């Protein structure tokens, strides 16, 4: 049974053409390095705009800002995965799974095979949503308070770096695995790409 968004079972003749395991040591190491580079590429130029002014000099205010950052970072990780889940739920109505390991937090729909369009929507949803939220907030706070601007910029950088797995899979689906009828199984930490029979 299939519709435009997903299949309950893998159709006959479909074959696996790619598998990504975010929990593997090699993938984890590559994503970690890439994530740090992406985060710094956002954070450093933005912080230079303040002329190096980050802390206010008021100890209590700065401690509160650091605490606010820590809480916001944890909340962001949870919300990032919930946005993935919301996209999947809206498009498929299927059971979601959530989890976290030392290297990755994840949301998946392991019981179904999603279409290319559904996969791209779910992959990009957090990137777009939080990119807009943090970007707009940083733009406002730049003119209000440098300390909270810095907090928001670091969150924006962590957001970009944290999306590395999503962006990697998006790049594969946009530029390498472009077959419009492909199906993807997303268990959370693993993604499997399937192609239809060549003679169809």
N, C-alpha and C. Protein backbone atom coordinates (compact mmCIF):
# COMPACT_ATOMS: atom_id res chain seq x y z
N UNK A 1 0.84 -1.20 0.00
CA UNK A 1 0.00 0.00 0.00
C UNK A 1 0.87 1.24 0.00
N UNK A 2 0.65 2.12 -0.99
CA UNK A 2 1.44 3.34 -1.11
C UNK A 2 0.53 4.52 -1.44
N UNK A 3 0.94 5.71 -1.00
CA UNK A 3 0.35 6.93 -1.51
C UNK A 3 1.49 7.85 -1.90
N UNK A 4 1.20 9.12 -2.16
CA UNK A 4 2.25 10.02 -2.65
C UNK A 4 3.31 10.32 -1.60
N UNK A 5 3.04 10.05 -0.32
CA UNK A 5 3.97 10.39 0.74
C UNK A 5 4.77 9.22 1.31
N UNK A 6 4.19 8.01 1.25
CA UNK A 6 4.90 6.87 1.84
C UNK A 6 4.27 5.55 1.40
N UNK A 7 5.03 4.48 1.66
CA UNK A 7 4.55 3.12 1.45
C UNK A 7 4.63 2.37 2.78
N UNK A 8 3.64 1.55 3.03
CA UNK A 8 3.65 0.73 4.25
C UNK A 8 4.67 -0.39 4.11
N UNK A 9 4.77 -0.94 2.92
CA UNK A 9 5.75 -1.99 2.63
C UNK A 9 6.59 -1.59 1.43
N UNK A 10 7.79 -2.12 1.36
CA UNK A 10 8.66 -1.84 0.22
C UNK A 10 8.09 -2.54 -1.00
N UNK A 11 7.79 -1.80 -2.06
CA UNK A 11 7.22 -2.43 -3.26
C UNK A 11 8.18 -3.45 -3.87
N UNK A 12 7.62 -4.40 -4.56
CA UNK A 12 8.41 -5.47 -5.19
C UNK A 12 9.39 -4.88 -6.20
N UNK A 13 10.60 -5.39 -6.16
CA UNK A 13 11.61 -4.97 -7.12
C UNK A 13 12.50 -3.84 -6.65
N UNK A 14 12.10 -3.14 -5.58
CA UNK A 14 12.94 -2.04 -5.06
C UNK A 14 14.19 -2.61 -4.41
N UNK A 15 15.32 -1.93 -4.62
CA UNK A 15 16.60 -2.41 -4.08
C UNK A 15 17.31 -1.28 -3.34
N UNK A 16 18.00 -1.65 -2.27
CA UNK A 16 18.76 -0.67 -1.50
C UNK A 16 19.98 -0.20 -2.31
N UNK A 17 20.14 1.13 -2.40
CA UNK A 17 21.28 1.69 -3.13
C UNK A 17 22.21 2.50 -2.23
N UNK A 18 21.74 2.81 -1.02
CA UNK A 18 22.60 3.59 -0.11
C UNK A 18 22.12 3.41 1.32
N UNK A 19 23.08 3.42 2.23
CA UNK A 19 22.76 3.33 3.66
C UNK A 19 23.68 4.27 4.43
N UNK A 20 23.10 5.06 5.33
CA UNK A 20 23.87 5.94 6.20
C UNK A 20 23.59 5.55 7.64
N UNK A 21 24.66 5.30 8.40
CA UNK A 21 24.53 4.99 9.82
C UNK A 21 25.24 6.08 10.61
N UNK A 22 24.45 6.98 11.21
CA UNK A 22 25.03 8.11 11.94
C UNK A 22 25.72 7.67 13.23
N UNK A 23 25.46 6.44 13.67
CA UNK A 23 26.08 5.95 14.90
C UNK A 23 27.45 5.32 14.67
N UNK A 24 27.81 5.08 13.42
CA UNK A 24 29.10 4.46 13.16
C UNK A 24 30.22 5.41 13.54
N UNK A 25 31.34 4.85 13.97
CA UNK A 25 32.46 5.67 14.44
C UNK A 25 32.98 6.59 13.33
N UNK A 26 33.10 6.06 12.12
CA UNK A 26 33.64 6.85 11.01
C UNK A 26 32.71 8.01 10.66
N UNK A 27 31.43 7.71 10.50
CA UNK A 27 30.46 8.76 10.16
C UNK A 27 30.37 9.78 11.29
N UNK A 28 30.36 9.29 12.53
CA UNK A 28 30.29 10.19 13.67
C UNK A 28 31.46 11.15 13.71
N UNK A 29 32.66 10.64 13.43
CA UNK A 29 33.86 11.49 13.45
C UNK A 29 33.79 12.54 12.34
N UNK A 30 33.40 12.12 11.14
CA UNK A 30 33.31 13.05 10.01
C UNK A 30 32.27 14.12 10.29
N UNK A 31 31.11 13.71 10.78
CA UNK A 31 30.05 14.67 11.07
C UNK A 31 30.44 15.62 12.21
N UNK A 32 31.16 15.11 13.19
CA UNK A 32 31.59 15.97 14.31
C UNK A 32 32.53 17.07 13.83
N UNK A 33 33.52 16.68 13.03
CA UNK A 33 34.46 17.68 12.50
C UNK A 33 33.73 18.67 11.60
N UNK A 34 32.89 18.16 10.72
CA UNK A 34 32.13 19.03 9.83
C UNK A 34 31.21 19.96 10.59
N UNK A 35 30.60 19.46 11.65
CA UNK A 35 29.70 20.25 12.46
C UNK A 35 30.42 21.41 13.14
N UNK A 36 31.61 21.14 13.66
CA UNK A 36 32.40 22.20 14.31
C UNK A 36 32.79 23.27 13.30
N UNK A 37 33.23 22.85 12.12
CA UNK A 37 33.62 23.80 11.07
C UNK A 37 32.42 24.68 10.67
N UNK A 38 31.26 24.04 10.47
CA UNK A 38 30.06 24.79 10.09
C UNK A 38 29.65 25.78 11.17
N UNK A 39 29.71 25.33 12.43
CA UNK A 39 29.33 26.20 13.55
C UNK A 39 30.25 27.42 13.63
N UNK A 40 31.55 27.18 13.54
CA UNK A 40 32.51 28.29 13.64
C UNK A 40 32.38 29.24 12.46
N UNK A 41 32.04 28.71 11.29
CA UNK A 41 31.88 29.56 10.11
C UNK A 41 30.73 30.55 10.29
N UNK A 42 29.77 30.21 11.12
CA UNK A 42 28.66 31.12 11.42
C UNK A 42 29.00 32.02 12.62
N UNK A 43 29.52 31.41 13.68
CA UNK A 43 29.72 32.13 14.94
C UNK A 43 30.80 33.22 14.84
N UNK A 44 31.97 32.87 14.31
CA UNK A 44 33.09 33.82 14.33
C UNK A 44 32.81 35.11 13.57
N UNK A 45 32.32 35.06 12.33
CA UNK A 45 32.04 36.34 11.64
C UNK A 45 30.99 37.18 12.36
N UNK A 46 29.98 36.51 12.92
CA UNK A 46 28.92 37.26 13.61
C UNK A 46 29.44 37.93 14.87
N UNK A 47 30.29 37.23 15.61
CA UNK A 47 30.83 37.82 16.84
C UNK A 47 31.82 38.94 16.55
N UNK A 48 32.48 38.88 15.39
CA UNK A 48 33.38 39.97 15.01
C UNK A 48 32.62 41.28 14.81
N UNK A 49 31.34 41.17 14.49
CA UNK A 49 30.51 42.36 14.29
C UNK A 49 30.34 43.16 15.57
N UNK A 50 30.58 42.53 16.71
CA UNK A 50 30.44 43.24 17.98
C UNK A 50 31.75 43.87 18.42
N UNK A 51 32.79 43.70 17.64
CA UNK A 51 34.10 44.22 18.02
C UNK A 51 34.70 43.47 19.19
N UNK A 52 34.27 42.21 19.34
CA UNK A 52 34.80 41.38 20.42
C UNK A 52 34.05 41.56 21.73
N UNK A 53 33.04 42.43 21.75
CA UNK A 53 32.26 42.61 22.98
C UNK A 53 31.21 41.52 23.09
N UNK A 54 31.37 40.68 24.11
CA UNK A 54 30.43 39.58 24.32
C UNK A 54 29.78 39.70 25.69
N UNK A 55 30.62 39.79 26.72
CA UNK A 55 30.10 39.87 28.08
C UNK A 55 29.86 41.32 28.48
N UNK A 56 28.90 41.53 29.35
CA UNK A 56 28.50 42.89 29.73
C UNK A 56 29.40 43.49 30.80
N UNK A 57 30.08 42.65 31.57
CA UNK A 57 30.86 43.14 32.69
C UNK A 57 30.12 43.06 34.01
N UNK A 58 28.80 42.83 33.92
CA UNK A 58 27.97 42.61 35.10
C UNK A 58 27.93 41.11 35.35
N UNK A 59 28.58 40.65 36.42
CA UNK A 59 28.75 39.22 36.66
C UNK A 59 27.43 38.48 36.72
N UNK A 60 26.47 39.01 37.45
CA UNK A 60 25.18 38.35 37.58
C UNK A 60 24.48 38.23 36.23
N UNK A 61 24.49 39.33 35.48
CA UNK A 61 23.86 39.33 34.16
C UNK A 61 24.51 38.30 33.24
N UNK A 62 25.83 38.24 33.27
CA UNK A 62 26.55 37.31 32.39
C UNK A 62 26.32 35.86 32.80
N UNK A 63 26.23 35.59 34.10
CA UNK A 63 25.94 34.23 34.58
C UNK A 63 24.54 33.81 34.14
N UNK A 64 23.59 34.71 34.25
CA UNK A 64 22.23 34.43 33.79
C UNK A 64 22.22 34.14 32.29
N UNK A 65 23.00 34.91 31.52
CA UNK A 65 23.08 34.70 30.07
C UNK A 65 23.64 33.33 29.74
N UNK A 66 24.68 32.92 30.47
CA UNK A 66 25.28 31.60 30.24
C UNK A 66 24.28 30.50 30.59
N UNK A 67 23.56 30.69 31.69
CA UNK A 67 22.54 29.72 32.10
C UNK A 67 21.43 29.65 31.05
N UNK A 68 21.01 30.82 30.55
CA UNK A 68 19.98 30.86 29.51
C UNK A 68 20.45 30.13 28.25
N UNK A 69 21.73 30.30 27.92
CA UNK A 69 22.27 29.60 26.76
C UNK A 69 22.21 28.08 26.95
N UNK A 70 22.64 27.61 28.14
CA UNK A 70 22.64 26.16 28.40
C UNK A 70 21.24 25.58 28.29
N UNK A 71 20.26 26.26 28.89
CA UNK A 71 18.88 25.78 28.80
C UNK A 71 18.37 25.81 27.37
N UNK A 72 18.70 26.88 26.65
CA UNK A 72 18.24 27.03 25.27
C UNK A 72 18.85 25.96 24.36
N UNK A 73 20.12 25.61 24.60
CA UNK A 73 20.78 24.60 23.78
C UNK A 73 20.11 23.24 23.96
N UNK A 74 19.79 22.89 25.21
CA UNK A 74 19.10 21.62 25.47
C UNK A 74 17.71 21.63 24.85
N UNK A 75 16.99 22.74 25.04
CA UNK A 75 15.64 22.85 24.47
C UNK A 75 15.68 22.76 22.95
N UNK A 76 16.70 23.38 22.36
CA UNK A 76 16.82 23.35 20.90
C UNK A 76 16.97 21.93 20.37
N UNK A 77 17.80 21.12 21.02
CA UNK A 77 18.00 19.74 20.57
C UNK A 77 16.68 18.99 20.55
N UNK A 78 15.89 19.17 21.63
CA UNK A 78 14.59 18.51 21.71
C UNK A 78 13.65 19.03 20.62
N UNK A 79 13.59 20.36 20.49
CA UNK A 79 12.68 20.96 19.51
C UNK A 79 13.07 20.63 18.07
N UNK A 80 14.37 20.53 17.81
CA UNK A 80 14.85 20.14 16.48
C UNK A 80 14.24 18.80 16.07
N UNK A 81 14.33 17.84 16.96
CA UNK A 81 13.80 16.50 16.65
C UNK A 81 12.27 16.51 16.59
N UNK A 82 11.64 17.33 17.42
CA UNK A 82 10.18 17.43 17.37
C UNK A 82 9.70 18.02 16.05
N UNK A 83 10.47 18.93 15.48
CA UNK A 83 10.09 19.50 14.17
C UNK A 83 10.21 18.43 13.08
N UNK A 84 11.28 17.63 13.13
CA UNK A 84 11.35 16.48 12.22
C UNK A 84 10.09 15.63 12.37
N UNK A 85 9.77 15.32 13.63
CA UNK A 85 8.62 14.47 13.91
C UNK A 85 7.31 15.07 13.44
N UNK A 86 7.16 16.39 13.64
CA UNK A 86 5.92 17.05 13.21
C UNK A 86 5.75 16.95 11.69
N UNK A 87 6.85 17.14 10.96
CA UNK A 87 6.79 17.03 9.50
C UNK A 87 6.40 15.62 9.08
N UNK A 88 7.05 14.63 9.68
CA UNK A 88 6.71 13.24 9.36
C UNK A 88 5.27 12.91 9.73
N UNK A 89 4.84 13.39 10.90
CA UNK A 89 3.48 13.07 11.37
C UNK A 89 2.43 13.69 10.47
N UNK A 90 2.65 14.95 10.06
CA UNK A 90 1.70 15.62 9.19
C UNK A 90 1.59 14.94 7.83
N UNK A 91 2.72 14.46 7.32
CA UNK A 91 2.74 13.88 5.98
C UNK A 91 2.38 12.40 5.94
N UNK A 92 2.62 11.68 7.03
CA UNK A 92 2.39 10.23 7.00
C UNK A 92 1.44 9.72 8.08
N UNK A 93 1.33 10.43 9.18
CA UNK A 93 0.50 9.96 10.29
C UNK A 93 1.05 8.73 10.99
N UNK A 94 2.29 8.38 10.70
CA UNK A 94 2.87 7.14 11.20
C UNK A 94 3.53 7.30 12.57
N UNK A 95 3.80 6.17 13.20
CA UNK A 95 4.44 6.14 14.51
C UNK A 95 5.85 6.70 14.42
N UNK A 96 6.20 7.56 15.37
CA UNK A 96 7.53 8.16 15.41
C UNK A 96 8.38 7.49 16.48
N UNK A 97 9.68 7.48 16.26
CA UNK A 97 10.60 7.04 17.30
C UNK A 97 11.62 8.16 17.55
N UNK A 98 11.95 8.35 18.81
CA UNK A 98 12.94 9.36 19.19
C UNK A 98 14.02 8.69 20.02
N UNK A 99 15.22 9.25 19.96
CA UNK A 99 16.31 8.71 20.77
C UNK A 99 17.51 9.63 20.77
N UNK A 100 18.46 9.28 21.59
CA UNK A 100 19.70 10.05 21.69
C UNK A 100 20.83 9.11 22.06
N UNK A 101 22.01 9.35 21.47
CA UNK A 101 23.20 8.59 21.81
C UNK A 101 24.31 9.60 22.10
N UNK A 102 25.52 9.13 22.27
CA UNK A 102 26.63 10.03 22.53
C UNK A 102 26.93 10.94 21.35
N UNK A 103 26.57 10.49 20.15
CA UNK A 103 26.93 11.25 18.95
C UNK A 103 25.75 11.85 18.19
N UNK A 104 24.53 11.40 18.49
CA UNK A 104 23.41 11.85 17.68
C UNK A 104 22.09 11.78 18.45
N UNK A 105 21.26 12.82 18.23
CA UNK A 105 19.86 12.77 18.66
C UNK A 105 19.06 12.52 17.39
N UNK A 106 17.94 11.79 17.49
CA UNK A 106 17.26 11.43 16.26
C UNK A 106 15.76 11.27 16.43
N UNK A 107 15.08 11.39 15.29
CA UNK A 107 13.67 11.08 15.15
C UNK A 107 13.53 10.29 13.86
N UNK A 108 12.72 9.24 13.89
CA UNK A 108 12.55 8.44 12.68
C UNK A 108 11.13 7.90 12.55
N UNK A 109 10.88 7.32 11.39
CA UNK A 109 9.61 6.62 11.13
C UNK A 109 9.99 5.24 10.59
N UNK A 110 10.39 4.34 11.46
CA UNK A 110 11.00 3.08 11.02
C UNK A 110 10.04 2.08 10.38
N UNK A 111 8.74 2.28 10.52
CA UNK A 111 7.78 1.28 10.05
C UNK A 111 7.30 1.51 8.63
N UNK A 112 7.77 2.58 7.98
CA UNK A 112 7.29 2.90 6.64
C UNK A 112 8.46 3.29 5.74
N UNK A 113 8.15 3.46 4.46
CA UNK A 113 9.12 3.91 3.46
C UNK A 113 8.59 5.21 2.87
N UNK A 114 9.30 6.31 3.10
CA UNK A 114 8.78 7.62 2.69
C UNK A 114 9.27 7.99 1.30
N UNK A 115 8.48 8.82 0.64
CA UNK A 115 8.84 9.30 -0.70
C UNK A 115 9.99 10.31 -0.61
N UNK A 116 10.57 10.57 -1.75
CA UNK A 116 11.67 11.55 -1.81
C UNK A 116 11.20 12.92 -1.32
N UNK A 117 10.02 13.34 -1.74
CA UNK A 117 9.49 14.64 -1.33
C UNK A 117 9.26 14.70 0.18
N UNK A 118 8.69 13.64 0.74
CA UNK A 118 8.46 13.60 2.18
C UNK A 118 9.77 13.64 2.94
N UNK A 119 10.75 12.87 2.46
CA UNK A 119 12.06 12.84 3.12
C UNK A 119 12.70 14.22 3.11
N UNK A 120 12.67 14.89 1.96
CA UNK A 120 13.28 16.22 1.86
C UNK A 120 12.57 17.23 2.77
N UNK A 121 11.27 17.14 2.84
CA UNK A 121 10.51 18.05 3.70
C UNK A 121 10.89 17.86 5.16
N UNK A 122 10.93 16.60 5.60
CA UNK A 122 11.26 16.32 7.00
C UNK A 122 12.72 16.65 7.32
N UNK A 123 13.61 16.39 6.37
CA UNK A 123 15.03 16.69 6.60
C UNK A 123 15.27 18.19 6.75
N UNK A 124 14.61 19.00 5.93
CA UNK A 124 14.89 20.44 5.89
C UNK A 124 14.05 21.25 6.86
N UNK A 125 12.99 20.67 7.41
CA UNK A 125 12.09 21.44 8.27
C UNK A 125 12.81 22.12 9.44
N UNK A 126 13.61 21.42 10.25
CA UNK A 126 14.29 22.13 11.35
C UNK A 126 15.30 23.16 10.87
N UNK A 127 16.01 22.86 9.79
CA UNK A 127 17.00 23.79 9.26
C UNK A 127 16.35 25.12 8.91
N UNK A 128 15.21 25.07 8.24
CA UNK A 128 14.51 26.27 7.82
C UNK A 128 13.89 26.99 9.02
N UNK A 129 13.17 26.24 9.86
CA UNK A 129 12.45 26.85 10.99
C UNK A 129 13.42 27.55 11.94
N UNK A 130 14.44 26.84 12.40
CA UNK A 130 15.33 27.43 13.40
C UNK A 130 16.35 28.39 12.79
N UNK A 131 16.66 28.21 11.52
CA UNK A 131 17.49 29.19 10.84
C UNK A 131 16.81 30.55 10.82
N UNK A 132 15.50 30.55 10.53
CA UNK A 132 14.73 31.79 10.51
C UNK A 132 14.56 32.37 11.91
N UNK A 133 14.25 31.50 12.88
CA UNK A 133 14.03 31.97 14.26
C UNK A 133 15.30 32.58 14.84
N UNK A 134 16.40 31.83 14.81
CA UNK A 134 17.65 32.33 15.40
C UNK A 134 18.21 33.51 14.61
N UNK A 135 18.07 33.45 13.29
CA UNK A 135 18.57 34.55 12.47
C UNK A 135 17.83 35.85 12.76
N UNK A 136 16.49 35.77 12.84
CA UNK A 136 15.69 36.96 13.12
C UNK A 136 15.97 37.48 14.53
N UNK A 137 16.08 36.55 15.49
CA UNK A 137 16.34 36.95 16.88
C UNK A 137 17.71 37.63 17.01
N UNK A 138 18.71 37.07 16.33
CA UNK A 138 20.05 37.68 16.37
C UNK A 138 20.02 39.08 15.75
N UNK A 139 19.28 39.24 14.68
CA UNK A 139 19.18 40.54 14.03
C UNK A 139 18.59 41.60 14.95
N UNK A 140 17.61 41.21 15.76
CA UNK A 140 17.00 42.15 16.70
C UNK A 140 17.93 42.42 17.88
N UNK A 141 18.49 41.34 18.46
CA UNK A 141 19.30 41.49 19.66
C UNK A 141 20.62 42.22 19.41
N UNK A 142 21.08 42.23 18.18
CA UNK A 142 22.30 42.97 17.87
C UNK A 142 22.16 44.44 18.26
N UNK A 143 20.96 44.97 18.12
CA UNK A 143 20.73 46.38 18.43
C UNK A 143 20.23 46.59 19.86
N UNK A 144 20.08 45.49 20.61
CA UNK A 144 19.53 45.59 21.96
C UNK A 144 20.56 45.28 23.03
N UNK A 145 21.22 44.12 22.88
CA UNK A 145 22.14 43.67 23.92
C UNK A 145 23.17 42.72 23.31
N UNK A 146 24.46 43.08 23.37
CA UNK A 146 25.50 42.26 22.75
C UNK A 146 25.63 40.88 23.39
N UNK A 147 25.38 40.79 24.70
CA UNK A 147 25.53 39.49 25.36
C UNK A 147 24.50 38.51 24.86
N UNK A 148 23.24 38.93 24.80
CA UNK A 148 22.20 38.02 24.32
C UNK A 148 22.27 37.84 22.80
N UNK A 149 22.83 38.81 22.11
CA UNK A 149 23.13 38.62 20.68
C UNK A 149 24.15 37.49 20.53
N UNK A 150 25.20 37.50 21.36
CA UNK A 150 26.23 36.47 21.30
C UNK A 150 25.65 35.09 21.61
N UNK A 151 24.78 35.04 22.62
CA UNK A 151 24.12 33.77 22.97
C UNK A 151 23.34 33.24 21.77
N UNK A 152 22.59 34.12 21.12
CA UNK A 152 21.77 33.71 19.98
C UNK A 152 22.63 33.30 18.79
N UNK A 153 23.73 34.01 18.57
CA UNK A 153 24.63 33.67 17.47
C UNK A 153 25.26 32.30 17.69
N UNK A 154 25.65 32.00 18.91
CA UNK A 154 26.22 30.68 19.21
C UNK A 154 25.16 29.60 18.99
N UNK A 155 23.92 29.86 19.40
CA UNK A 155 22.83 28.91 19.13
C UNK A 155 22.63 28.73 17.63
N UNK A 156 22.71 29.83 16.88
CA UNK A 156 22.58 29.74 15.42
C UNK A 156 23.69 28.89 14.83
N UNK A 157 24.92 29.10 15.31
CA UNK A 157 26.04 28.29 14.83
C UNK A 157 25.88 26.82 15.18
N UNK A 158 25.45 26.55 16.41
CA UNK A 158 25.21 25.16 16.81
C UNK A 158 24.10 24.54 15.99
N UNK A 159 23.12 25.35 15.65
CA UNK A 159 22.02 24.87 14.80
C UNK A 159 22.55 24.45 13.43
N UNK A 160 23.34 25.32 12.80
CA UNK A 160 23.89 24.98 11.48
C UNK A 160 24.76 23.73 11.57
N UNK A 161 25.64 23.69 12.57
CA UNK A 161 26.49 22.51 12.72
C UNK A 161 25.69 21.26 13.03
N UNK A 162 24.64 21.42 13.85
CA UNK A 162 23.83 20.27 14.23
C UNK A 162 22.99 19.71 13.10
N UNK A 163 22.83 20.49 12.04
CA UNK A 163 22.04 20.04 10.88
C UNK A 163 22.90 19.30 9.85
N UNK A 164 24.16 19.01 10.18
CA UNK A 164 25.05 18.45 9.16
C UNK A 164 24.52 17.14 8.58
N UNK A 165 23.98 16.28 9.42
CA UNK A 165 23.44 15.01 8.92
C UNK A 165 22.24 15.23 8.01
N UNK A 166 21.36 16.14 8.42
CA UNK A 166 20.19 16.46 7.60
C UNK A 166 20.60 17.05 6.26
N UNK A 167 21.57 17.95 6.29
CA UNK A 167 22.02 18.60 5.06
C UNK A 167 22.77 17.61 4.15
N UNK A 168 23.50 16.70 4.77
CA UNK A 168 24.21 15.69 3.98
C UNK A 168 23.21 14.81 3.21
N UNK A 169 22.18 14.32 3.93
CA UNK A 169 21.18 13.49 3.26
C UNK A 169 20.41 14.29 2.22
N UNK A 170 20.13 15.56 2.53
CA UNK A 170 19.44 16.41 1.56
C UNK A 170 20.26 16.55 0.29
N UNK A 171 21.56 16.79 0.46
CA UNK A 171 22.44 16.89 -0.71
C UNK A 171 22.44 15.63 -1.54
N UNK A 172 22.46 14.47 -0.88
CA UNK A 172 22.43 13.21 -1.62
C UNK A 172 21.13 13.07 -2.42
N UNK A 173 20.02 13.42 -1.79
CA UNK A 173 18.72 13.26 -2.47
C UNK A 173 18.53 14.29 -3.58
N UNK A 174 19.17 15.44 -3.45
CA UNK A 174 19.03 16.47 -4.49
C UNK A 174 19.97 16.26 -5.66
N UNK A 175 21.17 15.75 -5.39
CA UNK A 175 22.19 15.73 -6.44
C UNK A 175 22.67 14.34 -6.86
N UNK A 176 22.51 13.34 -6.02
CA UNK A 176 22.99 12.00 -6.39
C UNK A 176 21.84 11.04 -6.62
N UNK A 177 20.97 10.91 -5.63
CA UNK A 177 19.83 9.99 -5.74
C UNK A 177 18.60 10.80 -6.13
N UNK A 178 18.49 11.06 -7.43
CA UNK A 178 17.47 12.00 -7.92
C UNK A 178 16.24 11.30 -8.49
N UNK A 179 16.22 10.00 -8.48
CA UNK A 179 15.05 9.26 -8.96
C UNK A 179 13.81 9.66 -8.15
N UNK A 180 12.80 10.20 -8.83
CA UNK A 180 11.65 10.75 -8.12
C UNK A 180 10.83 9.67 -7.41
N UNK A 181 10.97 8.40 -7.85
CA UNK A 181 10.19 7.32 -7.22
C UNK A 181 10.95 6.61 -6.11
N UNK A 182 12.12 7.11 -5.77
CA UNK A 182 12.89 6.45 -4.70
C UNK A 182 12.10 6.48 -3.40
N UNK A 183 12.44 5.55 -2.52
CA UNK A 183 11.85 5.50 -1.19
C UNK A 183 12.98 5.51 -0.17
N UNK A 184 12.69 6.09 0.98
CA UNK A 184 13.69 6.17 2.04
C UNK A 184 13.08 5.64 3.33
N UNK A 185 13.83 4.78 4.00
CA UNK A 185 13.42 4.30 5.33
C UNK A 185 14.30 4.99 6.35
N UNK A 186 13.68 5.70 7.26
CA UNK A 186 14.40 6.49 8.26
C UNK A 186 14.11 5.91 9.64
N UNK A 187 15.09 5.20 10.20
CA UNK A 187 14.92 4.63 11.53
C UNK A 187 15.33 5.63 12.61
N UNK A 188 15.91 6.74 12.21
CA UNK A 188 16.45 7.74 13.13
C UNK A 188 17.94 7.86 12.91
N UNK A 189 18.72 6.95 13.51
CA UNK A 189 20.16 7.00 13.29
C UNK A 189 20.60 6.43 11.95
N UNK A 190 19.70 5.68 11.29
CA UNK A 190 20.05 5.10 9.98
C UNK A 190 19.03 5.51 8.93
N UNK A 191 19.54 5.77 7.73
CA UNK A 191 18.68 6.03 6.57
C UNK A 191 19.05 5.06 5.46
N UNK A 192 18.01 4.49 4.83
CA UNK A 192 18.21 3.54 3.74
C UNK A 192 17.49 4.08 2.51
N UNK A 193 18.20 4.17 1.39
CA UNK A 193 17.62 4.67 0.15
C UNK A 193 17.38 3.48 -0.78
N UNK A 194 16.17 3.42 -1.36
CA UNK A 194 15.78 2.31 -2.25
C UNK A 194 15.37 2.87 -3.60
N UNK A 195 15.80 2.19 -4.66
CA UNK A 195 15.44 2.56 -6.03
C UNK A 195 14.47 1.52 -6.61
N UNK A 196 13.58 2.00 -7.49
CA UNK A 196 12.66 1.06 -8.15
C UNK A 196 13.38 0.25 -9.22
N UNK A 197 12.76 -0.80 -9.73
CA UNK A 197 13.38 -1.58 -10.81
C UNK A 197 13.70 -0.69 -12.01
N UNK A 198 14.81 -0.97 -12.67
CA UNK A 198 15.25 -0.12 -13.79
C UNK A 198 14.33 -0.20 -14.99
N UNK A 199 13.61 -1.30 -15.17
CA UNK A 199 12.79 -1.47 -16.38
C UNK A 199 11.42 -0.82 -16.26
N UNK A 200 11.16 -0.17 -15.13
CA UNK A 200 9.85 0.49 -14.98
C UNK A 200 9.89 1.91 -15.50
